[in-house]
Amino acid sequence: MAIDVYAALNLHQNPIEEFAFEEGPTFPINPVPAQPFFSTADATLYVWNGSAWVSLFQGTSKFAATIGDGVALVYTVTHNLGTLDTIESVYSVSTGIEEIAVITHATTDTTTFTFTVAPALNSVRVVIHA
């Protein structure tokens, strides 16, 4: 049974044992600064910095998605890597050959890929490294 606590909890530098972070596939709607959250969507621990969820992973972070619907020329991919400092790879799923796209760093958590020819259904893989 959960116990609701509405005040600061001072543990006097004693360790917290056997606990788990809040988790789920989507971020909490009304976070507070320093609130941690474990995303089950990408198996990454995040903290709310007051304006965005920032990954606590200190190494290289990667996000990959398969895109294409045979109609759209522009795809905005949400990667939640929290930075504009990213490197993107765009390639054909069937051949592994690099695809040409104009890449725009829309926000610190999204990247937009613009093609001159609409990619076929699920035919292009994008990989974003931070």
N, C-alpha and C. Protein backbone atom coordinates (compact mmCIF):
# COMPACT_ATOMS: atom_id res chain seq x y z
N MET A 1 0.84 -1.17 0.00
CA MET A 1 0.00 0.00 0.00
C MET A 1 0.89 1.24 0.00
N ALA A 2 0.60 2.17 -0.90
CA ALA A 2 1.38 3.40 -0.99
C ALA A 2 0.99 4.38 0.10
N ILE A 3 1.97 5.13 0.56
CA ILE A 3 1.74 6.17 1.55
C ILE A 3 2.04 7.50 0.88
N ASP A 4 1.09 8.41 0.85
CA ASP A 4 1.29 9.73 0.26
C ASP A 4 2.04 10.62 1.25
N VAL A 5 3.10 11.28 0.75
CA VAL A 5 3.90 12.20 1.55
C VAL A 5 3.85 13.55 0.86
N TYR A 6 3.43 14.58 1.56
CA TYR A 6 3.28 15.92 0.98
C TYR A 6 4.28 16.92 1.53
N ALA A 7 5.39 16.45 2.05
CA ALA A 7 6.43 17.33 2.58
C ALA A 7 7.78 16.70 2.25
N ALA A 8 8.85 17.48 2.37
CA ALA A 8 10.19 16.96 2.14
C ALA A 8 10.47 15.84 3.14
N LEU A 9 11.20 14.85 2.69
CA LEU A 9 11.54 13.70 3.53
C LEU A 9 13.04 13.74 3.79
N ASN A 10 13.47 14.00 5.02
CA ASN A 10 14.88 14.06 5.36
C ASN A 10 15.31 12.71 5.90
N LEU A 11 16.18 12.03 5.16
CA LEU A 11 16.67 10.72 5.59
C LEU A 11 18.00 10.82 6.32
N HIS A 12 18.46 12.04 6.58
CA HIS A 12 19.70 12.28 7.31
C HIS A 12 20.87 11.49 6.74
N GLN A 13 21.00 11.53 5.42
CA GLN A 13 22.06 10.88 4.64
C GLN A 13 22.04 9.37 4.74
N ASN A 14 20.93 8.80 5.15
CA ASN A 14 20.79 7.35 5.14
C ASN A 14 20.40 6.91 3.73
N PRO A 15 20.89 5.75 3.30
CA PRO A 15 20.57 5.29 1.94
C PRO A 15 19.11 4.84 1.81
N ILE A 16 18.61 4.98 0.61
CA ILE A 16 17.30 4.42 0.29
C ILE A 16 17.56 3.04 -0.31
N GLU A 17 16.93 2.03 0.25
CA GLU A 17 17.13 0.68 -0.23
C GLU A 17 15.85 0.15 -0.87
N GLU A 18 16.01 -0.65 -1.88
CA GLU A 18 14.91 -1.34 -2.55
C GLU A 18 13.79 -0.38 -2.99
N PHE A 19 14.11 0.47 -3.94
CA PHE A 19 13.11 1.40 -4.46
C PHE A 19 13.11 1.31 -5.98
N ALA A 20 12.11 1.86 -6.60
CA ALA A 20 12.02 1.91 -8.06
C ALA A 20 11.54 3.29 -8.48
N PHE A 21 12.04 3.77 -9.61
CA PHE A 21 11.57 5.04 -10.17
C PHE A 21 10.21 4.84 -10.81
N GLU A 22 9.45 5.93 -10.89
CA GLU A 22 8.22 5.89 -11.66
C GLU A 22 8.60 5.52 -13.09
N GLU A 23 7.77 4.70 -13.73
CA GLU A 23 8.10 4.25 -15.08
C GLU A 23 6.86 4.17 -15.95
N GLY A 24 7.09 4.11 -17.24
CA GLY A 24 6.00 3.95 -18.18
C GLY A 24 6.44 4.29 -19.58
N PRO A 25 5.56 4.13 -20.57
CA PRO A 25 5.91 4.44 -21.96
C PRO A 25 5.81 5.92 -22.31
N THR A 26 5.10 6.70 -21.50
CA THR A 26 4.97 8.14 -21.76
C THR A 26 5.34 8.92 -20.49
N PHE A 27 5.89 10.10 -20.70
CA PHE A 27 6.34 10.93 -19.59
C PHE A 27 5.16 11.47 -18.78
N PRO A 28 5.35 11.72 -17.48
CA PRO A 28 4.31 12.34 -16.65
C PRO A 28 3.91 13.70 -17.23
N ILE A 29 2.65 14.07 -17.05
CA ILE A 29 2.11 15.29 -17.64
C ILE A 29 2.58 16.55 -16.92
N ASN A 30 2.62 16.54 -15.59
CA ASN A 30 2.98 17.75 -14.83
C ASN A 30 4.20 17.49 -13.95
N PRO A 31 5.40 17.33 -14.54
CA PRO A 31 6.58 17.04 -13.73
C PRO A 31 7.07 18.27 -12.98
N VAL A 32 7.86 18.02 -11.96
CA VAL A 32 8.51 19.09 -11.20
C VAL A 32 10.02 18.97 -11.40
N PRO A 33 10.77 20.07 -11.29
CA PRO A 33 12.22 19.99 -11.48
C PRO A 33 12.86 18.93 -10.59
N ALA A 34 13.79 18.20 -11.18
CA ALA A 34 14.56 17.11 -10.55
C ALA A 34 13.77 15.81 -10.43
N GLN A 35 12.57 15.75 -10.99
CA GLN A 35 11.78 14.52 -10.94
C GLN A 35 12.36 13.48 -11.90
N PRO A 36 12.69 12.28 -11.41
CA PRO A 36 13.19 11.24 -12.30
C PRO A 36 12.04 10.43 -12.91
N PHE A 37 12.32 9.81 -14.05
CA PHE A 37 11.33 8.95 -14.71
C PHE A 37 12.07 7.96 -15.59
N PHE A 38 11.68 6.68 -15.50
CA PHE A 38 12.27 5.65 -16.35
C PHE A 38 11.32 5.37 -17.51
N SER A 39 11.78 5.65 -18.73
CA SER A 39 10.96 5.43 -19.92
C SER A 39 11.08 3.98 -20.37
N THR A 40 9.96 3.27 -20.34
CA THR A 40 9.98 1.89 -20.84
C THR A 40 9.98 1.87 -22.36
N ALA A 41 9.69 3.01 -23.00
CA ALA A 41 9.70 3.08 -24.46
C ALA A 41 11.11 2.94 -25.02
N ASP A 42 12.11 3.50 -24.31
CA ASP A 42 13.50 3.41 -24.80
C ASP A 42 14.48 2.93 -23.72
N ALA A 43 13.94 2.43 -22.60
CA ALA A 43 14.77 1.89 -21.51
C ALA A 43 15.83 2.88 -21.05
N THR A 44 15.41 4.13 -20.82
CA THR A 44 16.34 5.19 -20.43
C THR A 44 15.79 5.95 -19.23
N LEU A 45 16.67 6.30 -18.30
CA LEU A 45 16.30 7.10 -17.15
C LEU A 45 16.43 8.58 -17.50
N TYR A 46 15.39 9.35 -17.22
CA TYR A 46 15.36 10.78 -17.51
C TYR A 46 15.11 11.56 -16.22
N VAL A 47 15.45 12.87 -16.28
CA VAL A 47 15.11 13.78 -15.19
C VAL A 47 14.54 15.04 -15.84
N TRP A 48 13.51 15.62 -15.19
CA TRP A 48 12.90 16.85 -15.69
C TRP A 48 13.75 18.02 -15.21
N ASN A 49 14.27 18.84 -16.14
CA ASN A 49 15.14 19.96 -15.77
C ASN A 49 14.38 21.27 -15.60
N GLY A 50 13.07 21.21 -15.64
CA GLY A 50 12.24 22.40 -15.51
C GLY A 50 11.62 22.81 -16.83
N SER A 51 12.20 22.32 -17.93
CA SER A 51 11.63 22.62 -19.24
C SER A 51 11.65 21.45 -20.21
N ALA A 52 12.44 20.42 -19.91
CA ALA A 52 12.51 19.25 -20.80
C ALA A 52 12.98 18.03 -20.02
N TRP A 53 12.63 16.85 -20.54
CA TRP A 53 13.14 15.60 -19.98
C TRP A 53 14.53 15.38 -20.56
N VAL A 54 15.53 15.19 -19.70
CA VAL A 54 16.91 15.02 -20.12
C VAL A 54 17.38 13.63 -19.72
N SER A 55 17.97 12.93 -20.66
CA SER A 55 18.49 11.59 -20.38
C SER A 55 19.64 11.66 -19.39
N LEU A 56 19.67 10.75 -18.45
CA LEU A 56 20.78 10.67 -17.49
C LEU A 56 21.86 9.72 -17.99
N PHE A 57 21.66 9.13 -19.14
CA PHE A 57 22.65 8.23 -19.73
C PHE A 57 23.87 9.05 -20.14
N GLN A 58 25.02 8.72 -19.63
CA GLN A 58 26.22 9.51 -19.86
C GLN A 58 26.99 9.13 -21.11
N GLY A 59 26.73 7.97 -21.66
CA GLY A 59 27.43 7.55 -22.87
C GLY A 59 26.71 8.06 -24.11
N THR A 60 27.09 7.50 -25.24
CA THR A 60 26.43 7.85 -26.48
C THR A 60 25.02 7.30 -26.46
N SER A 61 24.06 8.13 -26.81
CA SER A 61 22.68 7.71 -26.88
C SER A 61 22.29 7.54 -28.34
N LYS A 62 21.39 6.60 -28.59
CA LYS A 62 20.97 6.31 -29.96
C LYS A 62 19.47 6.13 -30.00
N PHE A 63 18.87 6.57 -31.09
CA PHE A 63 17.45 6.35 -31.35
C PHE A 63 17.33 5.93 -32.80
N ALA A 64 16.48 4.93 -33.06
CA ALA A 64 16.27 4.49 -34.44
C ALA A 64 14.78 4.33 -34.69
N ALA A 65 14.38 4.59 -35.94
CA ALA A 65 12.98 4.44 -36.33
C ALA A 65 12.91 4.10 -37.81
N THR A 66 11.88 3.38 -38.17
CA THR A 66 11.61 3.08 -39.57
C THR A 66 10.49 4.00 -40.03
N ILE A 67 10.71 4.71 -41.14
CA ILE A 67 9.73 5.67 -41.62
C ILE A 67 9.37 5.38 -43.07
N GLY A 68 8.36 6.06 -43.55
CA GLY A 68 7.92 5.96 -44.94
C GLY A 68 6.48 5.51 -44.99
N ASP A 69 5.68 6.20 -45.82
CA ASP A 69 4.27 5.81 -46.01
C ASP A 69 3.87 5.87 -47.48
N GLY A 70 4.83 6.18 -48.36
CA GLY A 70 4.55 6.25 -49.78
C GLY A 70 3.90 7.55 -50.21
N VAL A 71 3.62 8.46 -49.27
CA VAL A 71 2.93 9.72 -49.59
C VAL A 71 3.73 10.93 -49.12
N ALA A 72 4.06 10.98 -47.85
CA ALA A 72 4.69 12.16 -47.25
C ALA A 72 6.14 12.33 -47.69
N LEU A 73 6.55 13.57 -47.81
CA LEU A 73 7.94 13.91 -48.12
C LEU A 73 8.70 14.32 -46.86
N VAL A 74 7.97 14.72 -45.81
CA VAL A 74 8.59 15.23 -44.59
C VAL A 74 8.17 14.36 -43.40
N TYR A 75 9.15 13.97 -42.60
CA TYR A 75 8.91 13.16 -41.40
C TYR A 75 9.62 13.80 -40.23
N THR A 76 8.89 14.09 -39.18
CA THR A 76 9.50 14.59 -37.95
C THR A 76 9.58 13.42 -36.98
N VAL A 77 10.79 13.11 -36.57
CA VAL A 77 11.04 11.97 -35.69
C VAL A 77 11.35 12.49 -34.29
N THR A 78 10.60 12.04 -33.30
CA THR A 78 10.84 12.40 -31.91
C THR A 78 11.79 11.39 -31.29
N HIS A 79 12.97 11.85 -30.89
CA HIS A 79 13.99 10.95 -30.34
C HIS A 79 14.26 11.19 -28.86
N ASN A 80 13.86 12.33 -28.31
CA ASN A 80 14.05 12.65 -26.89
C ASN A 80 15.49 12.52 -26.41
N LEU A 81 16.45 12.86 -27.27
CA LEU A 81 17.86 12.81 -26.87
C LEU A 81 18.30 14.09 -26.17
N GLY A 82 17.49 15.13 -26.22
CA GLY A 82 17.74 16.34 -25.45
C GLY A 82 18.89 17.21 -25.94
N THR A 83 19.24 17.10 -27.22
CA THR A 83 20.34 17.90 -27.74
C THR A 83 20.19 18.12 -29.23
N LEU A 84 20.77 19.22 -29.72
CA LEU A 84 20.87 19.46 -31.16
C LEU A 84 22.13 18.81 -31.72
N ASP A 85 23.04 18.40 -30.85
CA ASP A 85 24.31 17.79 -31.26
C ASP A 85 24.10 16.33 -31.60
N THR A 86 23.57 16.07 -32.78
CA THR A 86 23.27 14.70 -33.19
C THR A 86 23.89 14.40 -34.55
N ILE A 87 24.05 13.12 -34.81
CA ILE A 87 24.52 12.63 -36.10
C ILE A 87 23.47 11.66 -36.60
N GLU A 88 23.04 11.85 -37.85
CA GLU A 88 21.96 11.05 -38.40
C GLU A 88 22.46 10.15 -39.54
N SER A 89 21.90 8.94 -39.60
CA SER A 89 22.10 8.04 -40.72
C SER A 89 20.72 7.76 -41.30
N VAL A 90 20.62 7.76 -42.61
CA VAL A 90 19.35 7.50 -43.29
C VAL A 90 19.64 6.48 -44.39
N TYR A 91 19.01 5.31 -44.32
CA TYR A 91 19.31 4.28 -45.32
C TYR A 91 18.09 3.44 -45.66
N SER A 92 18.15 2.81 -46.82
CA SER A 92 17.08 1.93 -47.29
C SER A 92 17.09 0.65 -46.47
N VAL A 93 15.93 0.25 -45.97
CA VAL A 93 15.82 -0.98 -45.19
C VAL A 93 16.18 -2.19 -46.04
N SER A 94 15.76 -2.20 -47.30
CA SER A 94 15.97 -3.38 -48.14
C SER A 94 17.38 -3.53 -48.68
N THR A 95 18.07 -2.40 -48.94
CA THR A 95 19.39 -2.50 -49.56
C THR A 95 20.53 -2.07 -48.64
N GLY A 96 20.22 -1.27 -47.62
CA GLY A 96 21.26 -0.74 -46.76
C GLY A 96 21.98 0.45 -47.36
N ILE A 97 21.55 0.86 -48.55
CA ILE A 97 22.19 2.00 -49.22
C ILE A 97 21.67 3.30 -48.62
N GLU A 98 22.60 4.24 -48.44
CA GLU A 98 22.25 5.53 -47.85
C GLU A 98 21.23 6.27 -48.71
N GLU A 99 20.23 6.84 -48.04
CA GLU A 99 19.21 7.65 -48.70
C GLU A 99 19.57 9.11 -48.54
N ILE A 100 19.14 9.94 -49.48
CA ILE A 100 19.41 11.37 -49.41
C ILE A 100 18.18 12.08 -48.84
N ALA A 101 18.41 12.84 -47.79
CA ALA A 101 17.35 13.63 -47.15
C ALA A 101 17.96 14.90 -46.60
N VAL A 102 17.18 15.95 -46.59
CA VAL A 102 17.59 17.19 -45.91
C VAL A 102 17.21 17.01 -44.45
N ILE A 103 18.16 17.23 -43.58
CA ILE A 103 17.96 16.99 -42.15
C ILE A 103 17.93 18.32 -41.42
N THR A 104 16.88 18.52 -40.63
CA THR A 104 16.72 19.73 -39.85
C THR A 104 16.57 19.37 -38.39
N HIS A 105 17.36 20.01 -37.54
CA HIS A 105 17.24 19.78 -36.10
C HIS A 105 16.14 20.71 -35.59
N ALA A 106 14.91 20.21 -35.61
CA ALA A 106 13.74 21.02 -35.28
C ALA A 106 13.78 21.51 -33.83
N THR A 107 14.02 20.59 -32.90
CA THR A 107 14.15 20.92 -31.48
C THR A 107 15.22 20.01 -30.90
N THR A 108 15.48 20.11 -29.61
CA THR A 108 16.46 19.23 -28.97
C THR A 108 15.95 17.80 -28.87
N ASP A 109 14.67 17.58 -29.14
CA ASP A 109 14.09 16.24 -29.04
C ASP A 109 13.49 15.74 -30.34
N THR A 110 13.59 16.52 -31.41
CA THR A 110 13.03 16.08 -32.70
C THR A 110 13.99 16.43 -33.83
N THR A 111 13.96 15.60 -34.86
CA THR A 111 14.72 15.84 -36.08
C THR A 111 13.78 15.63 -37.25
N THR A 112 13.84 16.52 -38.24
CA THR A 112 12.97 16.43 -39.40
C THR A 112 13.77 15.97 -40.61
N PHE A 113 13.23 15.00 -41.33
CA PHE A 113 13.84 14.46 -42.54
C PHE A 113 12.95 14.81 -43.71
N THR A 114 13.51 15.48 -44.73
CA THR A 114 12.76 15.89 -45.91
C THR A 114 13.34 15.19 -47.14
N PHE A 115 12.48 14.50 -47.87
CA PHE A 115 12.88 13.74 -49.06
C PHE A 115 12.33 14.40 -50.31
N THR A 116 12.98 14.17 -51.47
CA THR A 116 12.46 14.68 -52.74
C THR A 116 11.45 13.72 -53.35
N VAL A 117 11.55 12.44 -52.97
CA VAL A 117 10.60 11.41 -53.39
C VAL A 117 10.09 10.73 -52.13
N ALA A 118 8.76 10.56 -52.04
CA ALA A 118 8.17 9.95 -50.84
C ALA A 118 8.67 8.52 -50.65
N PRO A 119 9.24 8.21 -49.50
CA PRO A 119 9.69 6.84 -49.24
C PRO A 119 8.50 5.88 -49.16
N ALA A 120 8.67 4.69 -49.70
CA ALA A 120 7.62 3.67 -49.64
C ALA A 120 7.37 3.27 -48.18
N LEU A 121 6.28 2.58 -47.96
CA LEU A 121 5.87 2.17 -46.62
C LEU A 121 7.00 1.46 -45.88
N ASN A 122 7.40 2.01 -44.74
CA ASN A 122 8.43 1.43 -43.86
C ASN A 122 9.70 1.03 -44.62
N SER A 123 10.13 1.89 -45.55
CA SER A 123 11.27 1.53 -46.39
C SER A 123 12.58 2.20 -45.98
N VAL A 124 12.51 3.20 -45.09
CA VAL A 124 13.70 3.96 -44.72
C VAL A 124 13.94 3.86 -43.22
N ARG A 125 15.17 3.62 -42.86
CA ARG A 125 15.56 3.56 -41.45
C ARG A 125 16.36 4.81 -41.14
N VAL A 126 16.01 5.49 -40.04
CA VAL A 126 16.79 6.63 -39.56
C VAL A 126 17.39 6.26 -38.21
N VAL A 127 18.65 6.59 -38.05
CA VAL A 127 19.36 6.32 -36.79
C VAL A 127 19.95 7.66 -36.35
N ILE A 128 19.67 8.03 -35.11
CA ILE A 128 20.12 9.32 -34.59
C ILE A 128 21.00 9.05 -33.36
N HIS A 129 22.24 9.54 -33.42
CA HIS A 129 23.18 9.39 -32.31
C HIS A 129 23.40 10.74 -31.65
N ALA A 130 23.51 10.74 -30.33
CA ALA A 130 23.81 11.98 -29.61
C ALA A 130 25.07 11.77 -28.78
